[in-house]
Every structure is written in C-alpha cells, then in structure tokens.
Amino acid sequence: MATNGKSGIGQHIPLLTVLMLGMFLAVLNQTLLNVAIPHLIHEFNVEATTAQWLMTGYMLVNGILIPLSAYLIERFGIRTLFLLAMVFFTGGALLCGIAPNFSIMLIGRLIQAVGGGILMPLVMVIILSVFPPEARGKGMGIFGLGIMFAPAVGPTLSGWVIEHYSWRILFNGMVPLGFIVIVLAAFMLRDTGEREKPRFDMWGTITSSLGFGLLLYGLSEAGSKSWDDPIVVSSLALGAFLVFLFIALQLRAEKPMLDFRVFKYDMFALSTVISAIVTIAMFAGMFLLPIYLQNLRGFTPLESGLLLLPGAIIMGIMSPISGSLFDKIGPRPLAVVGLLITTITTYEFTRLTLETSYTFILILNMIRSFGMSLLMMTIMTAGLNQLPQEKNSHGTAMSNTLRQISGSMGISIMTTIFSMRMDFHLGKLSDQMNLMDPTFSQAFYAKAGDVASATGMPVAKAQETVASLLYGQASQHAAVSGINDAFWWATGFALLGFILSFFMRDVRKDQRKAV
C-alpha cells in the first residue's frame, strides 16, 4: 500500500474516502449528543449529572485507548484494527438506537468509544504510510475534513433531527453507514509491512489508562463544578502522578508502549505545543458561542447550529486545499496567516453585546473558520513529517492524546473564566443598584410608580417586579461580559500560537539537504 513520491493522490481516492467516512462518523458521533441530552434526561428519567456520563464516559474511554493505539497497531496491524474499530463503533450505535433504558444506552456509548478512540490515530498512521512526506499534506488535508467539519455539523444536524424526528435516528442512521465502511474497508485496506508482536506492558497500560482517564475526568468535571472541588483536585493530582509514572516507565523501556522520545524531534515538539494552543482557542469558540446565542439571545439550538454551519463548510472546502498548499509552500506561511486571522477574529469576539447582529457573528465565525482551516492539519503534518517511519504510530498517538487533553482543558478553563468573570461583573452591577444612592433610588421608585399605575398592582408588588427585572438585565449583561473576558483569554492563546508559528520550518528541506 505504500507509494512513491511521484504517484498522485488519484489512486488513493477510494481508500481515502473510506477512511474519511469512518473518521467523520466517529467525530460526528461525539458532537451529536450535545443537543440531545435534555431529551434523553426526559426520556430515561435521569438527572443531568447522570446523563452527562454519556459524553464524559465516551471521552474517558477515548483518552484511555488513544495512548494504547501505537501498541495495538503494531500488534494487530492496520487492516484488522480498522475493521475491529468500525465493528465496535457500529455495534455500539445499534445498541444505543434500541436502548430501552439509560444503562443500556451508556453501555452502547462506551462500546462506540472503543471504536472512536482507536480510529483517529489509526487513520493518521494509514495516511502517513500511504503518502511520502512531499505529498502528505493532501492526504492529511482530506483527513482534516472529518476532524474539523464533523464537530460543527453535529449540533445543526442533531438540532434538526430532534426538532422533527426521534433522537434514536442519531444512532440508527450510523448503523448502515458504518456497515458500508466495514464492507468497503474489508476489500480495500491492506496491511503495510510485517506485523510485529510487541510485549504487552501491563504496568504501562495500568498507569496510562488510569492517569489519562483521571486527568480527562478531572478536567471535564472542573468545567461543571470548580477547580477546588475535592473530586476535581484529587482526580487531577492522582492523574498527573500516574502520567508522570507512566512517562518514567516508558523512558526506561527498551520498546516503549508510547515512545516519549518523539519529543527529541524539535519540529514535532513545537507543532504539538502549537496544536494544543490552537485546539484550546478552537474549543473556546465552539463552547462559548452556543451559550451566548441560546442562553442570552434566545436563539433555538437549530438556529445556533445553523450559524456555525457556514464556517464548517468553509473548513470542509479549505482542508484539502490547505493540504495541497502545504505540499507546495510548507507549513510556516500557512501557520502564520492562519494564526493571524484566528487571533484577530477571536479578539473581535471579545466585543459581543446583547445587540450584536446574527449576521455579524455568522460572518466573523466564517472568517475565523477560514483561519482555522489553514492550521490544524498543517501544523500536525509539519511535526509528523520529521519522524522516521517506525515512529509514526507513536507520534500520532501522542498528538491525539494531547489534542484530547487540550480540548478538555480548553473547555474547563473557559467555563471557569466565564463563571468567575460573570460573578465579578454581576457583583459590580449589583453594587451600582444601591437604594442608598439618591440617583438610582429616585429612578427606581419612579419606575416602580409607573409600573403600578400602568398595571394597577400594589406599589410594593411593582417594586418587586422592577427589582426582578433589573436583576435579570444585570445578569444578562454580566454573562455577556463574562463571555467577552473568556474570549480575551482565547485571544491570548491564539496570539501565543501566532508568535510560535514563526519558528516553524519545513523539515522536508532538512531531509533533502541530508540526502
């Protein structure tokens, strides 16, 4: 299945289509439930905290399996592992679609997560083995369609399905598509190279599974609880200790399960840091905008999703194009331009108000998406190009593990900043609404008198109504200010990535000089 540098992308289009469809389904599946959770709470009569395990559990299984993917690829080979991943994913979707109760639904999601956790690093390894470095941008650009397009399409599709049909279609629709991918992959996918039988690292598996699992759990809970919550603190502390222990074990191992020595390659290390920064900035927009649109502006989930859709389409169109540009001009120009656009547009989101027009936000998000489309696969490919062939599986596993952690970190950091700053602004606004202040007192009692005259209610009741109305308005303004402050932090992350992007170089030139 390997190719030489002169072969074109055309011969691999059928294979890439199968891989992209499998990848697209896996990533889409992660985002479909966001809108469906309220319906599932009602359907299965469970608490919101219980229902959240459908998402948290999926993420935890992903976080446990991604670090193991390098070992699994070496042990089972890419063909067998891809088919197994799709069988798990499709079987889990079938179980979710027919689930009679919440427990069965959760089991189905966890089975799906087994497939999803393996698919992303596996598909990247297949692309790296198919394409030589000089043509790898095109392959990774097509791979980026699934990663970037699916998360933005998910809420729109989910909102439309739930508004018109049953939530079960979100899962039942995955089954025939998953079956098609399995059949096509069985005929088209072939193993590359000899299959190895590496030794199973029991202690490495235990420390990585518990360490990354606890880290991701702590980060996800920090977003909904607080950073000083005992469960969050203990999860993060124990997770960090176990990850440190896992790294120490891997550095001492002759044949590590996940090789941390990939970080000795400078461009891989730099691209991994920039990729984590970009992921945090991207997740800030994906998380904060729906809150602003739905909770503060009153738009429906479908309208909120539709606002994100044009940006998703731009990402989908631009991802293969940016891959081709990468092959021609290298990573630095794309990274610099992409991060400059991302930084400027993220800054513009720090100036939202309760009157900001829907059209302005839509256009701004489209421009931001254009900037993002030049980045994700470009930066990742630039780092992976530096690794020798035998390190590809370890590099992809490392990139995806850190991407998962940085995404969770981004959401939890933005949640914390948003909540803290909203409380701060609400406190300031509340201080201004002081009846001891003659100006405010006069305006308040005058307004209460007008309400009492207009409605015929008692003056005391009118005063309560006006006070409630003012507090509601203050809460809205405080929430918008909190979102703006969170976007300030996202702008800072994007700016840091922009500065670092100037240090990127095209490692293919290094390799040509060495020859």
Protein backbone atom coordinates (compact mmCIF):
# COMPACT_ATOMS: atom_id res chain seq x y z
CA MET A 1 0.00 0.00 0.00
CA ALA A 2 2.97 2.31 0.25
CA THR A 3 3.55 4.70 -2.60
CA ASN A 4 6.41 6.64 -4.07
CA GLY A 5 6.68 10.39 -4.30
CA LYS A 6 5.68 10.55 -7.95
CA SER A 7 2.37 8.78 -7.57
CA GLY A 8 -0.64 11.02 -7.47
CA ILE A 9 -3.42 11.26 -4.97
CA GLY A 10 -5.93 9.90 -7.50
CA GLN A 11 -5.07 6.24 -6.98
CA HIS A 12 -5.81 6.59 -3.25
CA ILE A 13 -9.14 8.46 -3.51
CA PRO A 14 -11.31 5.33 -2.91
CA LEU A 15 -9.24 4.37 0.14
CA LEU A 16 -9.21 7.94 1.49
CA THR A 17 -12.98 8.15 1.01
CA VAL A 18 -13.50 5.05 3.17
CA LEU A 19 -11.10 6.29 5.84
CA MET A 20 -12.62 9.77 5.86
CA LEU A 21 -16.17 8.42 6.16
CA GLY A 22 -15.17 6.23 9.10
CA MET A 23 -13.36 9.16 10.74
CA PHE A 24 -16.24 11.55 10.02
CA LEU A 25 -18.77 9.19 11.66
CA ALA A 26 -16.59 8.79 14.76
CA VAL A 27 -16.03 12.53 15.28
CA LEU A 28 -19.64 13.41 14.38
CA ASN A 29 -20.85 10.90 16.96
CA GLN A 30 -19.01 12.82 19.71
CA THR A 31 -20.89 16.06 18.98
CA LEU A 32 -24.41 14.79 18.18
CA LEU A 33 -25.40 14.28 21.82
CA ASN A 34 -24.84 17.90 22.96
CA VAL A 35 -28.29 18.97 21.76
CA ALA A 36 -29.95 15.62 22.56
CA ILE A 37 -29.02 15.45 26.27
CA PRO A 38 -32.17 17.32 27.52
CA HIS A 39 -34.38 14.91 25.57
CA LEU A 40 -32.54 11.88 26.95
CA ILE A 41 -32.91 13.22 30.53
CA HIS A 42 -36.69 13.29 29.98
CA GLU A 43 -36.80 10.01 28.02
CA PHE A 44 -34.92 7.94 30.63
CA ASN A 45 -35.97 10.00 33.69
CA VAL A 46 -32.41 10.62 34.92
CA GLU A 47 -30.61 13.61 36.43
CA ALA A 48 -28.49 15.90 34.24
CA THR A 49 -25.35 14.81 36.10
CA THR A 50 -26.14 11.18 35.27
CA ALA A 51 -26.92 11.93 31.60
CA GLN A 52 -23.57 13.75 31.22
CA TRP A 53 -21.85 10.37 31.58
CA LEU A 54 -22.91 9.63 28.00
CA MET A 55 -20.37 12.27 26.97
CA THR A 56 -17.86 12.00 29.83
CA GLY A 57 -17.70 8.19 29.58
CA TYR A 58 -17.12 8.39 25.82
CA MET A 59 -14.30 10.88 26.33
CA LEU A 60 -12.69 8.79 29.10
CA VAL A 61 -12.61 5.60 27.00
CA ASN A 62 -11.12 7.65 24.14
CA GLY A 63 -8.50 9.05 26.48
CA ILE A 64 -7.57 5.58 27.72
CA LEU A 65 -7.36 3.94 24.27
CA ILE A 66 -5.53 6.64 22.26
CA PRO A 67 -2.23 6.21 24.20
CA LEU A 68 -2.53 2.43 23.64
CA SER A 69 -3.07 2.82 19.89
CA ALA A 70 0.62 2.57 18.94
CA TYR A 71 0.86 -0.82 20.67
CA LEU A 72 -2.44 -2.02 19.16
CA ILE A 73 -1.37 -1.03 15.62
CA GLU A 74 1.92 -2.93 15.96
CA ARG A 75 0.14 -5.94 17.48
CA PHE A 76 -2.88 -6.32 15.19
CA GLY A 77 -1.96 -4.41 12.02
CA ILE A 78 -3.90 -1.53 10.49
CA ARG A 79 -6.43 -3.59 8.50
CA THR A 80 -7.61 -5.81 11.36
CA LEU A 81 -7.63 -2.92 13.82
CA PHE A 82 -9.61 -0.60 11.50
CA LEU A 83 -12.24 -3.31 10.92
CA LEU A 84 -12.46 -4.04 14.66
CA ALA A 85 -12.79 -0.33 15.45
CA MET A 86 -15.65 0.07 12.95
CA VAL A 87 -17.38 -3.08 14.27
CA PHE A 88 -17.24 -1.69 17.83
CA PHE A 89 -18.43 1.72 16.67
CA THR A 90 -21.32 0.38 14.57
CA GLY A 91 -22.36 -2.20 17.18
CA GLY A 92 -22.41 0.49 19.88
CA ALA A 93 -24.55 2.73 17.66
CA LEU A 94 -27.03 -0.14 17.13
CA LEU A 95 -27.24 -0.74 20.89
CA CYS A 96 -27.81 2.99 21.59
CA GLY A 97 -30.53 3.16 18.92
CA ILE A 98 -32.58 0.36 20.51
CA ALA A 99 -31.69 1.09 24.16
CA PRO A 100 -34.74 0.52 26.42
CA ASN A 101 -33.10 2.23 29.43
CA PHE A 102 -30.22 4.51 30.37
CA SER A 103 -27.85 1.71 31.45
CA ILE A 104 -28.03 0.03 28.01
CA MET A 105 -27.62 3.45 26.38
CA LEU A 106 -24.43 4.10 28.38
CA ILE A 107 -23.01 0.65 27.57
CA GLY A 108 -23.67 1.34 23.86
CA ARG A 109 -21.84 4.68 24.09
CA LEU A 110 -18.83 3.09 25.79
CA ILE A 111 -18.67 0.39 23.10
CA GLN A 112 -18.79 3.15 20.46
CA ALA A 113 -15.98 4.94 22.28
CA VAL A 114 -13.72 1.87 21.92
CA GLY A 115 -14.02 2.21 18.14
CA GLY A 116 -13.75 6.01 18.18
CA GLY A 117 -10.63 6.01 20.38
CA ILE A 118 -8.78 3.70 18.00
CA LEU A 119 -9.94 5.24 14.70
CA MET A 120 -8.36 8.70 14.83
CA PRO A 121 -4.70 7.72 15.43
CA LEU A 122 -5.12 4.65 13.20
CA VAL A 123 -6.37 6.63 10.19
CA MET A 124 -3.48 9.09 10.61
CA VAL A 125 -0.97 6.21 10.60
CA ILE A 126 -2.54 4.80 7.41
CA ILE A 127 -2.24 8.19 5.67
CA LEU A 128 1.38 8.58 6.80
CA SER A 129 2.18 5.13 5.40
CA VAL A 130 0.38 5.77 2.08
CA PHE A 131 1.84 9.21 1.30
CA PRO A 132 5.51 10.22 1.24
CA PRO A 133 6.41 13.50 3.02
CA GLU A 134 6.28 15.58 -0.19
CA ALA A 135 2.63 14.61 -0.83
CA ARG A 136 1.44 14.10 2.74
CA GLY A 137 -0.29 17.48 3.02
CA LYS A 138 -3.01 16.42 0.56
CA GLY A 139 -3.75 13.22 2.48
CA MET A 140 -3.81 14.98 5.86
CA GLY A 141 -5.95 17.75 4.36
CA ILE A 142 -8.58 15.20 3.36
CA PHE A 143 -8.29 13.60 6.81
CA GLY A 144 -8.95 17.07 8.27
CA LEU A 145 -12.41 17.07 6.68
CA GLY A 146 -13.60 14.63 9.31
CA ILE A 147 -11.88 16.27 12.27
CA MET A 148 -12.97 19.86 11.54
CA PHE A 149 -16.22 19.50 9.58
CA ALA A 150 -17.98 16.96 11.81
CA PRO A 151 -17.91 18.93 15.14
CA ALA A 152 -19.59 21.95 13.52
CA VAL A 153 -22.16 19.92 11.56
CA GLY A 154 -23.08 17.82 14.62
CA PRO A 155 -25.16 20.38 16.59
CA THR A 156 -27.01 21.55 13.44
CA LEU A 157 -27.85 18.02 12.34
CA SER A 158 -28.77 16.96 15.86
CA GLY A 159 -31.00 20.02 16.39
CA TRP A 160 -32.82 19.42 13.09
CA VAL A 161 -33.36 15.69 13.78
CA ILE A 162 -34.63 16.25 17.33
CA GLU A 163 -36.94 19.06 16.22
CA HIS A 164 -38.60 16.87 13.56
CA TYR A 165 -37.90 13.21 14.43
CA SER A 166 -36.84 10.86 17.23
CA TRP A 167 -33.41 11.15 18.85
CA ARG A 168 -32.91 7.43 18.07
CA ILE A 169 -32.27 8.34 14.41
CA LEU A 170 -28.99 9.94 15.54
CA PHE A 171 -27.75 6.40 16.27
CA ASN A 172 -29.81 4.26 13.91
CA GLY A 173 -28.58 6.36 10.98
CA MET A 174 -24.97 5.48 11.88
CA VAL A 175 -25.55 1.71 11.54
CA PRO A 176 -25.97 1.36 7.73
CA LEU A 177 -23.17 3.90 7.13
CA GLY A 178 -20.86 2.02 9.49
CA PHE A 179 -21.72 -1.28 7.77
CA ILE A 180 -20.85 0.22 4.35
CA VAL A 181 -17.46 1.38 5.67
CA ILE A 182 -16.76 -2.10 7.12
CA VAL A 183 -17.55 -3.84 3.79
CA LEU A 184 -15.51 -1.37 1.71
CA ALA A 185 -12.56 -1.46 4.12
CA ALA A 186 -12.54 -5.29 4.07
CA PHE A 187 -11.87 -5.18 0.31
CA MET A 188 -9.70 -2.08 0.03
CA LEU A 189 -7.49 -1.93 3.11
CA ARG A 190 -4.21 -3.86 3.29
CA ASP A 191 -1.55 -4.09 5.96
CA THR A 192 1.78 -2.34 5.36
CA GLY A 193 4.96 -4.14 6.41
CA GLU A 194 5.36 -7.12 8.70
CA ARG A 195 3.12 -7.38 11.74
CA GLU A 196 5.10 -7.29 14.97
CA LYS A 197 4.29 -8.93 18.29
CA PRO A 198 5.45 -6.41 20.89
CA ARG A 199 5.46 -7.38 24.55
CA PHE A 200 2.36 -6.31 26.45
CA ASP A 201 3.31 -3.67 29.02
CA MET A 202 0.94 -4.31 31.92
CA TRP A 203 2.22 -1.54 34.20
CA GLY A 204 2.37 0.91 31.32
CA THR A 205 -1.23 0.07 30.43
CA ILE A 206 -2.45 0.48 34.02
CA THR A 207 -0.64 3.78 34.64
CA SER A 208 -1.59 5.28 31.25
CA SER A 209 -5.24 4.18 31.42
CA LEU A 210 -5.78 5.44 34.96
CA GLY A 211 -3.54 8.50 34.52
CA PHE A 212 -5.01 9.87 31.28
CA GLY A 213 -8.51 8.77 32.32
CA LEU A 214 -8.34 10.63 35.65
CA LEU A 215 -6.78 13.71 34.02
CA LEU A 216 -9.57 13.94 31.44
CA TYR A 217 -12.24 13.26 34.06
CA GLY A 218 -10.84 15.95 36.37
CA LEU A 219 -10.67 18.49 33.54
CA SER A 220 -14.23 17.75 32.39
CA GLU A 221 -15.60 17.98 35.95
CA ALA A 222 -13.69 21.24 36.59
CA GLY A 223 -15.84 22.82 33.88
CA SER A 224 -19.13 21.87 35.55
CA LYS A 225 -18.01 22.05 39.22
CA SER A 226 -14.98 24.11 40.21
CA TRP A 227 -11.21 23.77 40.26
CA ASP A 228 -11.14 23.49 44.07
CA ASP A 229 -13.79 20.74 44.22
CA PRO A 230 -12.28 17.77 46.19
CA ILE A 231 -13.12 15.26 43.42
CA VAL A 232 -11.57 17.52 40.75
CA VAL A 233 -8.41 18.20 42.78
CA SER A 234 -7.89 14.53 43.70
CA SER A 235 -8.57 13.36 40.11
CA LEU A 236 -6.11 15.86 38.61
CA ALA A 237 -3.43 15.21 41.26
CA LEU A 238 -3.63 11.40 41.04
CA GLY A 239 -3.93 11.54 37.23
CA ALA A 240 -0.84 13.78 36.94
CA PHE A 241 1.15 11.48 39.26
CA LEU A 242 0.20 8.35 37.27
CA VAL A 243 1.01 10.05 33.94
CA PHE A 244 4.42 11.08 35.37
CA LEU A 245 4.96 7.46 36.47
CA PHE A 246 3.88 6.23 33.01
CA ILE A 247 6.36 8.61 31.29
CA ALA A 248 9.18 7.45 33.60
CA LEU A 249 8.40 3.79 32.82
CA GLN A 250 8.27 4.44 29.07
CA LEU A 251 11.57 6.34 29.00
CA ARG A 252 13.27 3.40 30.73
CA ALA A 253 11.69 0.76 28.48
CA GLU A 254 13.68 -0.64 25.55
CA LYS A 255 10.49 -0.94 23.46
CA PRO A 256 8.01 1.54 25.00
CA MET A 257 4.26 1.28 24.54
CA LEU A 258 4.14 5.03 23.85
CA ASP A 259 7.52 6.48 22.93
CA PHE A 260 8.05 9.89 24.55
CA ARG A 261 11.38 10.14 22.78
CA VAL A 262 9.46 11.58 19.81
CA PHE A 263 9.77 14.91 21.61
CA LYS A 264 13.51 14.99 20.89
CA TYR A 265 12.50 15.95 17.33
CA ASP A 266 12.22 19.73 17.63
CA MET A 267 9.56 20.37 14.97
CA PHE A 268 7.34 17.59 16.32
CA ALA A 269 7.60 19.09 19.82
CA LEU A 270 6.88 22.63 18.57
CA SER A 271 3.97 21.54 16.36
CA THR A 272 2.46 19.60 19.28
CA VAL A 273 2.57 22.71 21.51
CA ILE A 274 1.05 24.94 18.79
CA SER A 275 -1.61 22.30 18.03
CA ALA A 276 -2.62 22.20 21.72
CA ILE A 277 -2.86 26.02 21.80
CA VAL A 278 -4.97 26.10 18.61
CA THR A 279 -7.26 23.37 19.99
CA ILE A 280 -7.88 25.39 23.18
CA ALA A 281 -8.70 28.50 21.12
CA MET A 282 -10.98 26.50 18.78
CA PHE A 283 -12.90 24.82 21.60
CA ALA A 284 -13.41 28.23 23.25
CA GLY A 285 -15.49 29.35 20.26
CA MET A 286 -17.35 26.04 19.95
CA PHE A 287 -18.26 26.16 23.67
CA LEU A 288 -18.92 29.88 24.28
CA LEU A 289 -20.89 30.83 21.14
CA PRO A 290 -23.81 28.40 21.72
CA ILE A 291 -24.13 29.70 25.32
CA TYR A 292 -24.26 33.29 24.03
CA LEU A 293 -26.70 32.51 21.22
CA GLN A 294 -29.10 30.20 23.07
CA ASN A 295 -28.98 31.29 26.73
CA LEU A 296 -28.56 35.06 26.26
CA ARG A 297 -30.04 35.84 22.85
CA GLY A 298 -32.86 33.27 22.80
CA PHE A 299 -31.95 31.51 19.55
CA THR A 300 -33.01 27.86 19.19
CA PRO A 301 -30.41 25.05 19.09
CA LEU A 302 -31.09 24.70 15.36
CA GLU A 303 -30.54 28.44 14.74
CA SER A 304 -27.37 28.28 16.82
CA GLY A 305 -26.15 25.30 14.82
CA LEU A 306 -27.02 26.97 11.52
CA LEU A 307 -24.83 29.93 12.47
CA LEU A 308 -21.85 27.58 12.85
CA LEU A 309 -22.63 25.65 9.65
CA PRO A 310 -21.14 28.08 7.03
CA GLY A 311 -17.88 28.08 8.97
CA ALA A 312 -17.92 24.28 8.95
CA ILE A 313 -18.49 24.24 5.19
CA ILE A 314 -15.53 26.61 4.70
CA MET A 315 -13.36 24.31 6.81
CA GLY A 316 -14.50 21.33 4.78
CA ILE A 317 -13.71 23.03 1.46
CA MET A 318 -10.41 24.52 2.62
CA SER A 319 -8.96 21.49 4.40
CA PRO A 320 -7.82 19.63 1.22
CA ILE A 321 -6.81 22.96 -0.37
CA SER A 322 -4.62 23.88 2.61
CA GLY A 323 -3.13 20.37 2.39
CA SER A 324 -2.13 21.00 -1.23
CA LEU A 325 -0.72 24.42 -0.29
CA PHE A 326 1.29 22.74 2.47
CA ASP A 327 2.91 20.42 -0.10
CA LYS A 328 3.87 23.44 -2.24
CA ILE A 329 4.91 26.17 0.21
CA GLY A 330 5.49 24.38 3.53
CA PRO A 331 3.99 24.95 6.99
CA ARG A 332 5.23 28.38 8.13
CA PRO A 333 3.29 30.68 5.73
CA LEU A 334 0.04 28.78 6.36
CA ALA A 335 0.56 28.71 10.14
CA VAL A 336 1.44 32.43 10.33
CA VAL A 337 -1.51 33.57 8.17
CA GLY A 338 -3.95 31.13 9.81
CA LEU A 339 -3.00 32.13 13.35
CA LEU A 340 -3.05 35.86 12.48
CA ILE A 341 -6.64 35.50 11.20
CA THR A 342 -7.57 33.37 14.21
CA THR A 343 -6.10 35.88 16.67
CA ILE A 344 -7.83 38.92 15.09
CA THR A 345 -11.25 37.24 14.78
CA THR A 346 -11.05 35.80 18.32
CA TYR A 347 -10.31 39.33 19.56
CA GLU A 348 -13.42 40.60 17.73
CA PHE A 349 -15.46 38.12 19.80
CA THR A 350 -14.36 39.98 22.95
CA ARG A 351 -16.75 42.82 21.97
CA LEU A 352 -20.09 40.97 21.92
CA THR A 353 -23.18 42.76 23.26
CA LEU A 354 -26.86 41.86 23.63
CA GLU A 355 -27.47 43.77 20.37
CA THR A 356 -24.70 42.23 18.20
CA SER A 357 -26.34 41.12 14.96
CA TYR A 358 -26.70 37.45 13.99
CA THR A 359 -25.23 38.25 10.55
CA PHE A 360 -22.11 39.88 12.03
CA ILE A 361 -21.43 36.84 14.26
CA LEU A 362 -22.02 34.48 11.31
CA ILE A 363 -19.54 36.34 9.05
CA LEU A 364 -16.98 36.67 11.83
CA ASN A 365 -17.21 32.94 12.58
CA MET A 366 -16.80 32.18 8.85
CA ILE A 367 -13.58 34.24 8.70
CA ARG A 368 -12.34 32.59 11.92
CA SER A 369 -13.09 29.15 10.46
CA PHE A 370 -11.11 30.05 7.34
CA GLY A 371 -8.10 30.86 9.53
CA MET A 372 -8.54 27.61 11.49
CA SER A 373 -8.75 25.60 8.25
CA LEU A 374 -5.17 26.63 7.41
CA LEU A 375 -3.90 25.36 10.76
CA MET A 376 -4.98 22.05 12.24
CA MET A 377 -3.71 19.53 9.70
CA THR A 378 -0.88 21.83 8.55
CA ILE A 379 0.70 22.04 11.99
CA MET A 380 0.18 18.36 12.80
CA THR A 381 1.64 17.22 9.44
CA ALA A 382 4.67 19.53 9.82
CA GLY A 383 5.60 17.76 13.06
CA LEU A 384 4.84 14.21 11.92
CA ASN A 385 6.94 14.70 8.76
CA GLN A 386 10.04 14.89 10.94
CA LEU A 387 9.51 11.46 12.48
CA PRO A 388 11.03 8.33 10.93
CA GLN A 389 8.55 5.74 9.61
CA GLU A 390 8.84 3.46 12.67
CA LYS A 391 7.86 6.36 14.98
CA ASN A 392 4.66 7.32 13.07
CA SER A 393 2.27 5.33 15.26
CA HIS A 394 3.84 6.75 18.43
CA GLY A 395 3.75 10.29 17.04
CA THR A 396 0.09 10.10 16.03
CA ALA A 397 -0.88 8.55 19.37
CA MET A 398 0.97 11.34 21.20
CA SER A 399 -0.56 14.10 19.04
CA ASN A 400 -4.09 12.78 19.52
CA THR A 401 -3.68 12.19 23.26
CA LEU A 402 -2.50 15.77 23.81
CA ARG A 403 -5.21 17.10 21.48
CA GLN A 404 -7.86 15.30 23.57
CA ILE A 405 -6.40 16.67 26.81
CA SER A 406 -6.02 20.23 25.45
CA GLY A 407 -9.63 20.17 24.17
CA SER A 408 -10.91 19.17 27.62
CA MET A 409 -8.59 21.71 29.22
CA GLY A 410 -9.86 24.42 26.88
CA ILE A 411 -13.50 23.79 27.78
CA SER A 412 -12.83 23.62 31.53
CA ILE A 413 -10.61 26.74 31.52
CA MET A 414 -13.16 28.75 29.50
CA THR A 415 -16.01 27.53 31.74
CA THR A 416 -14.13 28.63 34.86
CA ILE A 417 -13.17 32.04 33.42
CA PHE A 418 -16.72 32.62 32.16
CA SER A 419 -18.29 31.72 35.54
CA MET A 420 -15.82 33.70 37.66
CA ARG A 421 -15.94 36.83 35.49
CA MET A 422 -19.73 36.69 35.21
CA ASP A 423 -19.97 36.67 39.04
CA PHE A 424 -17.45 39.54 39.18
CA HIS A 425 -19.42 41.70 36.71
CA LEU A 426 -22.74 40.85 38.38
CA GLY A 427 -21.28 41.97 41.71
CA LYS A 428 -20.18 45.30 40.22
CA LEU A 429 -23.58 45.87 38.61
CA SER A 430 -25.35 44.94 41.86
CA ASP A 431 -23.25 47.50 43.75
CA GLN A 432 -24.47 50.18 41.34
CA MET A 433 -28.10 49.26 42.09
CA ASN A 434 -27.94 50.69 45.61
CA LEU A 435 -31.06 52.32 47.04
CA MET A 436 -28.79 54.46 49.23
CA ASP A 437 -27.63 56.14 46.01
CA PRO A 438 -30.03 59.12 45.52
CA THR A 439 -29.87 58.99 41.70
CA PHE A 440 -30.60 55.26 41.47
CA SER A 441 -33.20 55.41 44.27
CA GLN A 442 -35.12 58.19 42.51
CA ALA A 443 -35.09 56.33 39.16
CA PHE A 444 -36.10 53.02 40.81
CA TYR A 445 -39.10 54.42 42.72
CA ALA A 446 -40.21 56.43 39.67
CA LYS A 447 -40.12 53.27 37.52
CA ALA A 448 -42.00 51.26 40.18
CA GLY A 449 -44.64 54.01 40.33
CA ASP A 450 -45.07 53.89 36.53
CA VAL A 451 -45.49 50.08 36.63
CA ALA A 452 -48.01 50.33 39.47
CA SER A 453 -50.02 52.96 37.57
CA ALA A 454 -49.94 51.04 34.30
CA THR A 455 -50.86 47.61 35.74
CA GLY A 456 -52.91 48.52 38.81
CA MET A 457 -50.75 46.33 41.07
CA PRO A 458 -49.80 47.44 44.61
CA VAL A 459 -46.69 49.65 44.85
CA ALA A 460 -44.79 47.01 46.90
CA LYS A 461 -45.50 44.39 44.24
CA ALA A 462 -44.45 46.82 41.48
CA GLN A 463 -41.17 47.44 43.31
CA GLU A 464 -40.54 43.67 43.48
CA THR A 465 -41.26 43.37 39.75
CA VAL A 466 -38.89 46.21 38.84
CA ALA A 467 -36.16 44.80 41.12
CA SER A 468 -36.52 41.36 39.50
CA LEU A 469 -36.42 42.91 36.02
CA LEU A 470 -33.29 44.91 36.83
CA TYR A 471 -31.55 41.86 38.29
CA GLY A 472 -32.40 39.84 35.17
CA GLN A 473 -30.97 42.56 32.92
CA ALA A 474 -27.86 42.80 35.10
CA SER A 475 -27.39 39.01 34.91
CA GLN A 476 -27.60 39.11 31.12
CA HIS A 477 -25.06 41.92 30.83
CA ALA A 478 -22.77 40.17 33.34
CA ALA A 479 -22.95 36.92 31.33
CA VAL A 480 -22.05 38.71 28.08
CA SER A 481 -19.12 40.42 29.84
CA GLY A 482 -18.03 37.01 31.21
CA ILE A 483 -18.07 35.53 27.69
CA ASN A 484 -16.07 38.51 26.38
CA ASP A 485 -13.48 38.02 29.12
CA ALA A 486 -13.18 34.31 28.26
CA PHE A 487 -12.60 35.25 24.62
CA TRP A 488 -9.82 37.59 25.80
CA TRP A 489 -8.04 34.52 27.19
CA ALA A 490 -8.69 32.61 23.96
CA THR A 491 -7.18 35.57 22.08
CA GLY A 492 -4.09 35.31 24.30
CA PHE A 493 -3.70 31.61 23.47
CA ALA A 494 -4.08 32.34 19.74
CA LEU A 495 -1.51 35.17 19.97
CA LEU A 496 0.97 32.83 21.67
CA GLY A 497 0.45 30.32 18.86
CA PHE A 498 0.98 33.11 16.30
CA ILE A 499 4.35 34.03 17.86
CA LEU A 500 5.46 30.38 17.97
CA SER A 501 4.42 29.83 14.31
CA PHE A 502 7.38 31.98 13.13
CA PHE A 503 9.73 29.28 14.47
CA MET A 504 8.25 26.53 12.28
CA ARG A 505 10.27 25.20 9.36
CA ASP A 506 9.77 22.72 6.55
CA VAL A 507 11.58 19.55 7.68
CA ARG A 508 11.38 18.15 4.15
CA LYS A 509 14.12 20.64 3.21
CA ASP A 510 16.26 19.27 6.05
CA GLN A 511 15.77 15.76 4.71
CA ARG A 512 16.69 16.81 1.15
CA LYS A 513 19.87 18.53 2.43
CA ALA A 514 20.81 15.37 4.35
CA VAL A 515 20.49 13.35 1.13
